[in-house]
Every structure is written in C-alpha cells, then in structure tokens.
Amino acid sequence: MASRAFGRVTHRNRGLTRLVLYFGLRCHLERIEDEVRTLFNRSGRRNPAISRTVVEECDWTEEWKKSYKSFTIGADFFVIPSWENPAVPDDRLAIRIDPGQAFGTGTHETTQLTIEALERWLEPDQVVLDVGTGSGILAIASRLLGAKQVFACDIDPVAVQVARANIQRNSEDNVWTFCGSLDAVASGTAHLLMGNLTADLIVALFPEFLRVLRPHGVAIFSGILHDQIEDITECLKRFHFSVYGELTRGEWLAMVCEKHGP
C-alpha cells in the first residue's frame, strides 16, 4: 500500500489482534481496504472486520509514545524507551531504545524469539553479525551478553542512523553499523549471525549466510510463519545446516541452526 500511514496494536484477546491505522484524509481508503482484503484472501485467512472513524489532529509522535512503555524481554533484559527513566530491576540488563522509523521496538514476537535464542546460544567473545538490524536492539543485546564484536547492517539508511544512535545511547563499544548487506562482509567472519527478516529473504540470502559464517557457526533465523517452515527446512538441507532448536510464539517461529562444512 503506497499511502503514508502509521499504526499500533492496541488490543489482544483470545488470539485476536486489533490494529489501528491512521491515514490522512486524502488517502483512497476504499482502495486501501480492498488491498487489505486481497492480502488476507491470498493468505487463506478470513477477512478482517474493518471500521473507520475521524480523529482530531494531534502530535502523532507524542501520541505513539504513550503506548510504548518499559518492559522486560527474554530472561535478561529490560527495554526502556529513550524518553523514560524508570528503575531497572536488579536482575535485568537495560536496553535504551528510540526506534524512530526503524523496525525493532522489542514488542514483536519475532524480536522476542531472537532475544531468547541469543540468551541461550551466544557464547562470550564471539563475533556476531546482525542482518537487517532495524533499531539495533539485537546488536545491543548481543554485546551486553558478551559478544566480542558485533557488526550490524541494514539496507535502509534511516534504520542505520537509528541503530547507530541507539548504540551510542547504550554506550556500547565494539558494535559497528553499516548501510548495505552481506556482500560487504568478508567470508568466515561470524561465529553467530541473526536474520530477523522474512522467510523469502532468508531463502534468498542463504548462499551469503553460508559464506559469512565460520565452520560450525550458529545462525538464528526469525520472522518465519509456521506455514513457511518447509521452505526454510529445504534450504537448510541444501546448504548442509542442522537445526539445533525451534522457538515459537503465536504464528511465528525462530530456528537456531549450525553450519557444517567449510
């Protein structure tokens, strides 16, 4: 959908999600609704109930902040929006985030699953590669968990700026960001890589994942829907990866895999 908009998830109950989207008055709402229904039909899902209302103009940036509060994530972390200053629980590591226009608030299931996999599989002094870093939250978490070096990339220059600012906000050294993709990374660089992407991107990038990982390196792939697992599994077999484990939440799946061979 080409129309400019932003939205937020406001309510979850009995497996249902309510998504509120805000559009300008000049947007073609009928066409947008048609596109939404087409997407649901293509995925084999029941059409959502759609309603409209007119809201008064306000500072939308400040309005969004009201719904983004500090919260725990994984077993080790406490995510704090940059505009808050709460007390950090004694058993938690603080991650201060201003996501801006980048993906990675920490509230999405795919990010949560990746964090949980990191807590289990990252070993101290490893070199970590974060592909599609977004806000940089996963890169920051990796360094806090003891990674020796972290390289974070994104093809979106705005996301790279956001990630860099968040890394500085958390005063983390040995975390480097760059605008680009895996073709800029030397072969055999990473002990562990994260790809919180989409299933089609993961499949497309697999030859590069194979190249940049060290022998017996670990890959954490997230952003996979349950009905997409066959495509990922086929790719893993083709490139000689074995599956260490799977983590699930709702309709989402994360896979932890090991590279075999050179």
C-alpha atoms as a PDB file:
ATOM      1  CA  MET A   1       0.000   0.000   0.000  1.00  0.00           C
ATOM      2  CA  ALA A   2       1.567   3.230  -1.140  1.00  0.00           C
ATOM      3  CA  SER A   3      -0.408   5.577   1.125  1.00  0.00           C
ATOM      4  CA  ARG A   4       1.504   7.004   4.066  1.00  0.00           C
ATOM      5  CA  ALA A   5       0.231   5.832   7.422  1.00  0.00           C
ATOM      6  CA  PHE A   6       1.249   4.617  10.836  1.00  0.00           C
ATOM      7  CA  GLY A   7      -0.426   2.344  13.298  1.00  0.00           C
ATOM      8  CA  ARG A   8      -0.292   0.463  16.554  1.00  0.00           C
ATOM      9  CA  VAL A   9      -1.581  -2.753  18.044  1.00  0.00           C
ATOM     10  CA  THR A  10      -3.990  -1.735  20.768  1.00  0.00           C
ATOM     11  CA  HIS A  11      -5.714  -4.889  21.980  1.00  0.00           C
ATOM     12  CA  ARG A  12      -5.221  -8.660  22.011  1.00  0.00           C
ATOM     13  CA  ASN A  13      -7.834 -11.126  23.204  1.00  0.00           C
ATOM     14  CA  ARG A  14      -8.438 -14.832  22.514  1.00  0.00           C
ATOM     15  CA  GLY A  15      -5.897 -14.942  19.734  1.00  0.00           C
ATOM     16  CA  LEU A  16      -7.268 -11.843  18.001  1.00  0.00           C
ATOM     17  CA  THR A  17      -5.269  -8.699  17.296  1.00  0.00           C
ATOM     18  CA  ARG A  18      -6.687  -5.221  16.806  1.00  0.00           C
ATOM     19  CA  LEU A  19      -4.570  -2.988  14.593  1.00  0.00           C
ATOM     20  CA  VAL A  20      -5.341   0.746  14.460  1.00  0.00           C
ATOM     21  CA  LEU A  21      -4.017   2.563  11.372  1.00  0.00           C
ATOM     22  CA  TYR A  22      -4.022   6.326  10.852  1.00  0.00           C
ATOM     23  CA  PHE A  23      -4.263   7.862   7.371  1.00  0.00           C
ATOM     24  CA  GLY A  24      -4.535  11.371   6.007  1.00  0.00           C
ATOM     25  CA  LEU A  25      -7.941  12.490   4.768  1.00  0.00           C
ATOM     26  CA  ARG A  26      -6.728  12.499   1.165  1.00  0.00           C
ATOM     27  CA  CYS A  27      -5.916   8.776   1.166  1.00  0.00           C
ATOM     28  CA  HIS A  28      -8.002   6.455  -1.005  1.00  0.00           C
ATOM     29  CA  LEU A  29      -9.491   4.444   1.848  1.00  0.00           C
ATOM     30  CA  GLU A  30     -11.662   2.212  -0.348  1.00  0.00           C
ATOM     31  CA  ARG A  31      -8.630   1.093  -2.338  1.00  0.00           C
ATOM     32  CA  ILE A  32      -6.650   0.510   0.848  1.00  0.00           C
ATOM     33  CA  GLU A  33      -9.448  -1.644   2.278  1.00  0.00           C
ATOM     34  CA  ASP A  34      -9.578  -3.641  -0.975  1.00  0.00           C
ATOM     35  CA  GLU A  35      -5.832  -4.260  -0.808  1.00  0.00           C
ATOM     36  CA  VAL A  36      -6.071  -5.409   2.809  1.00  0.00           C
ATOM     37  CA  ARG A  37      -8.830  -7.875   1.972  1.00  0.00           C
ATOM     38  CA  THR A  38      -6.856  -9.121  -1.032  1.00  0.00           C
ATOM     39  CA  LEU A  39      -3.847  -9.816   1.207  1.00  0.00           C
ATOM     40  CA  PHE A  40      -5.989 -11.792   3.624  1.00  0.00           C
ATOM     41  CA  ASN A  41      -7.623 -13.765   0.802  1.00  0.00           C
ATOM     42  CA  ARG A  42      -4.257 -14.679  -0.692  1.00  0.00           C
ATOM     43  CA  SER A  43      -3.043 -15.983   2.664  1.00  0.00           C
ATOM     44  CA  GLY A  44      -6.187 -18.064   3.123  1.00  0.00           C
ATOM     45  CA  ARG A  45      -7.295 -16.088   6.161  1.00  0.00           C
ATOM     46  CA  ARG A  46     -10.740 -14.800   6.994  1.00  0.00           C
ATOM     47  CA  ASN A  47     -11.308 -11.175   6.024  1.00  0.00           C
ATOM     48  CA  PRO A  48     -10.867  -8.809   8.962  1.00  0.00           C
ATOM     49  CA  ALA A  49     -13.598  -6.544  10.277  1.00  0.00           C
ATOM     50  CA  ILE A  50     -12.720  -3.005   9.162  1.00  0.00           C
ATOM     51  CA  SER A  51     -14.199   0.185  10.591  1.00  0.00           C
ATOM     52  CA  ARG A  52     -13.405   3.874  10.166  1.00  0.00           C
ATOM     53  CA  THR A  53     -13.594   6.962  12.329  1.00  0.00           C
ATOM     54  CA  VAL A  54     -12.295  10.526  12.056  1.00  0.00           C
ATOM     55  CA  VAL A  55      -9.885  11.655  14.786  1.00  0.00           C
ATOM     56  CA  GLU A  56      -8.719  15.135  15.670  1.00  0.00           C
ATOM     57  CA  GLU A  57      -5.265  16.223  14.582  1.00  0.00           C
ATOM     58  CA  CYS A  58      -2.560  15.905  17.250  1.00  0.00           C
ATOM     59  CA  ASP A  59       1.174  15.370  17.664  1.00  0.00           C
ATOM     60  CA  TRP A  60       1.267  11.765  16.465  1.00  0.00           C
ATOM     61  CA  THR A  61       4.855  11.217  17.570  1.00  0.00           C
ATOM     62  CA  GLU A  62       3.930  12.066  21.143  1.00  0.00           C
ATOM     63  CA  GLU A  63       0.686  10.091  20.884  1.00  0.00           C
ATOM     64  CA  TRP A  64       2.566   6.948  19.854  1.00  0.00           C
ATOM     65  CA  LYS A  65       4.929   7.270  22.803  1.00  0.00           C
ATOM     66  CA  LYS A  66       2.009   6.867  25.207  1.00  0.00           C
ATOM     67  CA  SER A  67       1.594   3.238  24.129  1.00  0.00           C
ATOM     68  CA  TYR A  68       5.314   2.339  24.265  1.00  0.00           C
ATOM     69  CA  LYS A  69       6.385   1.736  27.855  1.00  0.00           C
ATOM     70  CA  SER A  70       9.333  -0.009  29.525  1.00  0.00           C
ATOM     71  CA  PHE A  71       9.051  -3.801  29.603  1.00  0.00           C
ATOM     72  CA  THR A  72      11.006  -6.993  30.195  1.00  0.00           C
ATOM     73  CA  ILE A  73      12.137  -9.143  27.285  1.00  0.00           C
ATOM     74  CA  GLY A  74      13.746 -12.558  27.465  1.00  0.00           C
ATOM     75  CA  ALA A  75      15.281 -13.659  30.746  1.00  0.00           C
ATOM     76  CA  ASP A  76      17.913 -10.926  30.941  1.00  0.00           C
ATOM     77  CA  PHE A  77      16.723  -7.610  29.510  1.00  0.00           C
ATOM     78  CA  PHE A  78      14.651  -4.561  30.366  1.00  0.00           C
ATOM     79  CA  VAL A  79      13.801  -2.339  27.382  1.00  0.00           C
ATOM     80  CA  ILE A  80      13.442   1.358  28.164  1.00  0.00           C
ATOM     81  CA  PRO A  81      12.139   3.962  25.687  1.00  0.00           C
ATOM     82  CA  SER A  82      14.581   6.841  25.489  1.00  0.00           C
ATOM     83  CA  TRP A  83      12.015   9.276  26.926  1.00  0.00           C
ATOM     84  CA  GLU A  84      11.527   7.241  30.133  1.00  0.00           C
ATOM     85  CA  ASN A  85      13.831   6.823  33.122  1.00  0.00           C
ATOM     86  CA  PRO A  86      12.436   4.011  35.287  1.00  0.00           C
ATOM     87  CA  ALA A  87      14.309   1.965  37.856  1.00  0.00           C
ATOM     88  CA  VAL A  88      15.949  -1.066  36.249  1.00  0.00           C
ATOM     89  CA  PRO A  89      15.298  -4.403  38.003  1.00  0.00           C
ATOM     90  CA  ASP A  90      18.446  -5.727  39.663  1.00  0.00           C
ATOM     91  CA  ASP A  91      18.392  -8.930  37.625  1.00  0.00           C
ATOM     92  CA  ARG A  92      17.995  -7.200  34.241  1.00  0.00           C
ATOM     93  CA  LEU A  93      20.264  -5.504  31.694  1.00  0.00           C
ATOM     94  CA  ALA A  94      18.910  -2.202  30.403  1.00  0.00           C
ATOM     95  CA  ILE A  95      18.487  -1.536  26.674  1.00  0.00           C
ATOM     96  CA  ARG A  96      17.538   2.067  25.946  1.00  0.00           C
ATOM     97  CA  ILE A  97      15.759   2.368  22.611  1.00  0.00           C
ATOM     98  CA  ASP A  98      14.229   5.060  20.449  1.00  0.00           C
ATOM     99  CA  PRO A  99      13.034   3.035  17.429  1.00  0.00           C
ATOM    100  CA  GLY A 100      12.165   6.086  15.336  1.00  0.00           C
ATOM    101  CA  GLN A 101      11.110   4.826  11.905  1.00  0.00           C
ATOM    102  CA  ALA A 102      13.042   1.549  12.185  1.00  0.00           C
ATOM    103  CA  PHE A 103      11.696  -1.913  12.974  1.00  0.00           C
ATOM    104  CA  GLY A 104      12.685  -3.214  16.402  1.00  0.00           C
ATOM    105  CA  THR A 105      10.753  -1.875  19.379  1.00  0.00           C
ATOM    106  CA  GLY A 106      11.153  -5.247  21.072  1.00  0.00           C
ATOM    107  CA  THR A 107       7.404  -5.808  21.313  1.00  0.00           C
ATOM    108  CA  HIS A 108       7.080  -8.041  18.248  1.00  0.00           C
ATOM    109  CA  GLU A 109       7.187 -11.811  18.695  1.00  0.00           C
ATOM    110  CA  THR A 110       9.985 -12.241  16.146  1.00  0.00           C
ATOM    111  CA  THR A 111      12.298  -9.914  18.087  1.00  0.00           C
ATOM    112  CA  GLN A 112      11.416 -11.600  21.374  1.00  0.00           C
ATOM    113  CA  LEU A 113      12.180 -15.043  19.955  1.00  0.00           C
ATOM    114  CA  THR A 114      15.537 -13.865  18.620  1.00  0.00           C
ATOM    115  CA  ILE A 115      16.471 -12.381  22.004  1.00  0.00           C
ATOM    116  CA  GLU A 116      15.565 -15.644  23.739  1.00  0.00           C
ATOM    117  CA  ALA A 117      17.646 -17.638  21.254  1.00  0.00           C
ATOM    118  CA  LEU A 118      20.579 -15.252  21.744  1.00  0.00           C
ATOM    119  CA  GLU A 119      20.445 -15.718  25.509  1.00  0.00           C
ATOM    120  CA  ARG A 120      20.759 -19.471  25.042  1.00  0.00           C
ATOM    121  CA  TRP A 121      23.192 -19.804  22.142  1.00  0.00           C
ATOM    122  CA  LEU A 122      25.549 -16.807  22.200  1.00  0.00           C
ATOM    123  CA  GLU A 123      28.917 -17.572  23.778  1.00  0.00           C
ATOM    124  CA  PRO A 124      31.312 -14.947  25.204  1.00  0.00           C
ATOM    125  CA  ASP A 125      33.918 -13.437  22.875  1.00  0.00           C
ATOM    126  CA  GLN A 126      32.113 -14.427  19.691  1.00  0.00           C
ATOM    127  CA  VAL A 127      31.843 -12.232  16.604  1.00  0.00           C
ATOM    128  CA  VAL A 128      28.175 -11.576  15.824  1.00  0.00           C
ATOM    129  CA  LEU A 129      26.516 -10.370  12.616  1.00  0.00           C
ATOM    130  CA  ASP A 130      23.055  -8.767  12.776  1.00  0.00           C
ATOM    131  CA  VAL A 131      21.467  -8.746   9.307  1.00  0.00           C
ATOM    132  CA  GLY A 132      18.623  -6.236   8.956  1.00  0.00           C
ATOM    133  CA  THR A 133      19.393  -4.562  12.259  1.00  0.00           C
ATOM    134  CA  GLY A 134      16.496  -2.069  12.276  1.00  0.00           C
ATOM    135  CA  SER A 135      16.638  -0.201  15.586  1.00  0.00           C
ATOM    136  CA  GLY A 136      19.802  -2.073  16.608  1.00  0.00           C
ATOM    137  CA  ILE A 137      18.136  -3.757  19.592  1.00  0.00           C
ATOM    138  CA  LEU A 138      19.520  -7.213  18.766  1.00  0.00           C
ATOM    139  CA  ALA A 139      23.034  -5.892  18.182  1.00  0.00           C
ATOM    140  CA  ILE A 140      22.958  -4.116  21.550  1.00  0.00           C
ATOM    141  CA  ALA A 141      21.642  -7.243  23.290  1.00  0.00           C
ATOM    142  CA  SER A 142      24.444  -9.312  21.724  1.00  0.00           C
ATOM    143  CA  ARG A 143      27.126  -7.017  23.075  1.00  0.00           C
ATOM    144  CA  LEU A 144      25.533  -6.933  26.533  1.00  0.00           C
ATOM    145  CA  LEU A 145      25.555 -10.745  26.542  1.00  0.00           C
ATOM    146  CA  GLY A 146      29.320 -10.752  25.985  1.00  0.00           C
ATOM    147  CA  ALA A 147      29.895 -10.783  22.220  1.00  0.00           C
ATOM    148  CA  LYS A 148      33.428  -9.665  21.402  1.00  0.00           C
ATOM    149  CA  GLN A 149      32.414  -7.710  18.301  1.00  0.00           C
ATOM    150  CA  VAL A 150      29.070  -7.032  16.653  1.00  0.00           C
ATOM    151  CA  PHE A 151      28.524  -5.959  13.046  1.00  0.00           C
ATOM    152  CA  ALA A 152      25.027  -4.704  12.225  1.00  0.00           C
ATOM    153  CA  CYS A 153      23.813  -3.939   8.714  1.00  0.00           C
ATOM    154  CA  ASP A 154      20.645  -2.724   7.057  1.00  0.00           C
ATOM    155  CA  ILE A 155      19.840  -1.665   3.504  1.00  0.00           C
ATOM    156  CA  ASP A 156      17.723   1.221   4.863  1.00  0.00           C
ATOM    157  CA  PRO A 157      19.943   4.252   5.629  1.00  0.00           C
ATOM    158  CA  VAL A 158      17.349   5.629   8.060  1.00  0.00           C
ATOM    159  CA  ALA A 159      17.462   2.386  10.050  1.00  0.00           C
ATOM    160  CA  VAL A 160      21.256   2.533  10.157  1.00  0.00           C
ATOM    161  CA  GLN A 161      21.103   6.070  11.588  1.00  0.00           C
ATOM    162  CA  VAL A 162      18.561   4.950  14.190  1.00  0.00           C
ATOM    163  CA  ALA A 163      20.642   1.904  15.130  1.00  0.00           C
ATOM    164  CA  ARG A 164      23.803   3.980  15.454  1.00  0.00           C
ATOM    165  CA  ALA A 165      22.044   6.464  17.736  1.00  0.00           C
ATOM    166  CA  ASN A 166      20.696   3.648  19.921  1.00  0.00           C
ATOM    167  CA  ILE A 167      24.108   2.021  20.178  1.00  0.00           C
ATOM    168  CA  GLN A 168      25.544   5.342  21.355  1.00  0.00           C
ATOM    169  CA  ARG A 169      22.572   5.753  23.713  1.00  0.00           C
ATOM    170  CA  ASN A 170      23.597   2.485  25.364  1.00  0.00           C
ATOM    171  CA  SER A 171      27.299   3.428  25.374  1.00  0.00           C
ATOM    172  CA  GLU A 172      28.245   0.182  23.698  1.00  0.00           C
ATOM    173  CA  ASP A 173      31.664  -0.118  22.061  1.00  0.00           C
ATOM    174  CA  ASN A 174      32.761  -2.741  19.544  1.00  0.00           C
ATOM    175  CA  VAL A 175      29.390  -2.521  17.787  1.00  0.00           C
ATOM    176  CA  TRP A 176      29.646  -1.312  14.192  1.00  0.00           C
ATOM    177  CA  THR A 177      26.847  -0.434  11.799  1.00  0.00           C
ATOM    178  CA  PHE A 178      26.887  -0.034   8.041  1.00  0.00           C
ATOM    179  CA  CYS A 179      24.370   0.538   5.276  1.00  0.00           C
ATOM    180  CA  GLY A 180      24.433  -2.459   2.991  1.00  0.00           C
ATOM    181  CA  SER A 181      24.093  -6.214   3.049  1.00  0.00           C
ATOM    182  CA  LEU A 182      26.107  -9.402   3.308  1.00  0.00           C
ATOM    183  CA  ASP A 183      28.100  -8.806   0.143  1.00  0.00           C
ATOM    184  CA  ALA A 184      30.148  -6.283   2.144  1.00  0.00           C
ATOM    185  CA  VAL A 185      31.098  -8.871   4.786  1.00  0.00           C
ATOM    186  CA  ALA A 186      34.264 -10.975   4.498  1.00  0.00           C
ATOM    187  CA  SER A 187      33.905 -14.747   4.283  1.00  0.00           C
ATOM    188  CA  GLY A 188      34.090 -16.630   7.570  1.00  0.00           C
ATOM    189  CA  THR A 189      33.552 -13.523   9.699  1.00  0.00           C
ATOM    190  CA  ALA A 190      30.822 -14.523  12.133  1.00  0.00           C
ATOM    191  CA  HIS A 191      30.572 -17.138  14.860  1.00  0.00           C
ATOM    192  CA  LEU A 192      26.881 -16.294  15.117  1.00  0.00           C
ATOM    193  CA  LEU A 193      24.522 -14.424  12.833  1.00  0.00           C
ATOM    194  CA  MET A 194      20.950 -13.236  13.261  1.00  0.00           C
ATOM    195  CA  GLY A 195      18.439 -12.785  10.480  1.00  0.00           C
ATOM    196  CA  ASN A 196      15.162 -11.461  11.859  1.00  0.00           C
ATOM    197  CA  LEU A 197      13.762 -10.966   8.381  1.00  0.00           C
ATOM    198  CA  THR A 198      11.078 -12.699   6.323  1.00  0.00           C
ATOM    199  CA  ALA A 199      11.104 -16.270   5.042  1.00  0.00           C
ATOM    200  CA  ASP A 200      11.592 -15.236   1.401  1.00  0.00           C
ATOM    201  CA  LEU A 201      14.555 -13.015   2.294  1.00  0.00           C
ATOM    202  CA  ILE A 202      16.130 -15.745   4.395  1.00  0.00           C
ATOM    203  CA  VAL A 203      15.896 -18.183   1.480  1.00  0.00           C
ATOM    204  CA  ALA A 204      17.291 -15.619  -0.977  1.00  0.00           C
ATOM    205  CA  LEU A 205      20.244 -14.753   1.276  1.00  0.00           C
ATOM    206  CA  PHE A 206      21.180 -18.308   2.232  1.00  0.00           C
ATOM    207  CA  PRO A 207      24.260 -18.591  -0.017  1.00  0.00           C
ATOM    208  CA  GLU A 208      25.617 -15.462   1.660  1.00  0.00           C
ATOM    209  CA  PHE A 209      24.734 -16.735   5.142  1.00  0.00           C
ATOM    210  CA  LEU A 210      26.761 -19.839   4.323  1.00  0.00           C
ATOM    211  CA  ARG A 211      29.709 -17.771   3.133  1.00  0.00           C
ATOM    212  CA  VAL A 212      29.986 -15.317   6.055  1.00  0.00           C
ATOM    213  CA  LEU A 213      29.546 -17.911   8.822  1.00  0.00           C
ATOM    214  CA  ARG A 214      32.574 -19.734  10.195  1.00  0.00           C
ATOM    215  CA  PRO A 215      32.572 -23.557  10.157  1.00  0.00           C
ATOM    216  CA  HIS A 216      30.121 -24.773  12.796  1.00  0.00           C
ATOM    217  CA  GLY A 217      28.830 -21.227  13.170  1.00  0.00           C
ATOM    218  CA  VAL A 218      25.325 -20.680  14.508  1.00  0.00           C
ATOM    219  CA  ALA A 219      22.517 -18.886  12.658  1.00  0.00           C
ATOM    220  CA  ILE A 220      19.326 -17.614  14.289  1.00  0.00           C
ATOM    221  CA  PHE A 221      16.561 -17.140  11.732  1.00  0.00           C
ATOM    222  CA  SER A 222      13.355 -15.403  12.799  1.00  0.00           C
ATOM    223  CA  GLY A 223      10.377 -13.800  11.078  1.00  0.00           C
ATOM    224  CA  ILE A 224       9.152 -17.194   9.846  1.00  0.00           C
ATOM    225  CA  LEU A 225       5.483 -18.130   9.854  1.00  0.00           C
ATOM    226  CA  HIS A 226       4.576 -21.716  10.711  1.00  0.00           C
ATOM    227  CA  ASP A 227       3.272 -22.390   7.215  1.00  0.00           C
ATOM    228  CA  GLN A 228       6.636 -21.295   5.741  1.00  0.00           C
ATOM    229  CA  ILE A 229       8.780 -23.796   7.629  1.00  0.00           C
ATOM    230  CA  GLU A 230       9.007 -26.271   4.728  1.00  0.00           C
ATOM    231  CA  ASP A 231      10.732 -23.708   2.502  1.00  0.00           C
ATOM    232  CA  ILE A 232      13.280 -22.942   5.225  1.00  0.00           C
ATOM    233  CA  THR A 233      13.853 -26.620   6.055  1.00  0.00           C
ATOM    234  CA  GLU A 234      14.523 -27.433   2.401  1.00  0.00           C
ATOM    235  CA  CYS A 235      17.036 -24.592   2.239  1.00  0.00           C
ATOM    236  CA  LEU A 236      18.788 -25.806   5.402  1.00  0.00           C
ATOM    237  CA  LYS A 237      19.208 -29.280   3.917  1.00  0.00           C
ATOM    238  CA  ARG A 238      20.506 -27.942   0.611  1.00  0.00           C
ATOM    239  CA  PHE A 239      23.205 -25.876   2.317  1.00  0.00           C
ATOM    240  CA  HIS A 240      24.078 -28.501   4.947  1.00  0.00           C
ATOM    241  CA  PHE A 241      22.772 -26.798   8.071  1.00  0.00           C
ATOM    242  CA  SER A 242      21.412 -28.768  11.012  1.00  0.00           C
ATOM    243  CA  VAL A 243      18.686 -27.480  13.328  1.00  0.00           C
ATOM    244  CA  TYR A 244      19.615 -27.058  17.000  1.00  0.00           C
ATOM    245  CA  GLY A 245      16.204 -25.931  18.122  1.00  0.00           C
ATOM    246  CA  GLU A 246      12.993 -24.063  17.374  1.00  0.00           C
ATOM    247  CA  LEU A 247      11.200 -21.391  19.379  1.00  0.00           C
ATOM    248  CA  THR A 248       7.593 -20.445  18.730  1.00  0.00           C
ATOM    249  CA  ARG A 249       5.205 -17.731  19.799  1.00  0.00           C
ATOM    250  CA  GLY A 250       1.777 -17.322  18.264  1.00  0.00           C
ATOM    251  CA  GLU A 251       2.061 -17.748  14.499  1.00  0.00           C
ATOM    252  CA  TRP A 252       5.821 -17.056  14.491  1.00  0.00           C
ATOM    253  CA  LEU A 253       8.806 -19.375  14.537  1.00  0.00           C
ATOM    254  CA  ALA A 254      12.541 -18.888  15.108  1.00  0.00           C
ATOM    255  CA  MET A 255      15.112 -21.515  14.151  1.00  0.00           C
ATOM    256  CA  VAL A 256      18.604 -21.981  15.573  1.00  0.00           C
ATOM    257  CA  CYS A 257      20.895 -23.738  13.075  1.00  0.00           C
ATOM    258  CA  GLU A 258      24.504 -24.856  12.756  1.00  0.00           C
ATOM    259  CA  LYS A 259      26.616 -24.649   9.613  1.00  0.00           C
ATOM    260  CA  HIS A 260      28.503 -27.821   8.636  1.00  0.00           C
ATOM    261  CA  GLY A 261      31.469 -27.891   6.312  1.00  0.00           C
ATOM    262  CA  PRO A 262      33.771 -25.031   5.250  1.00  0.00           C
END
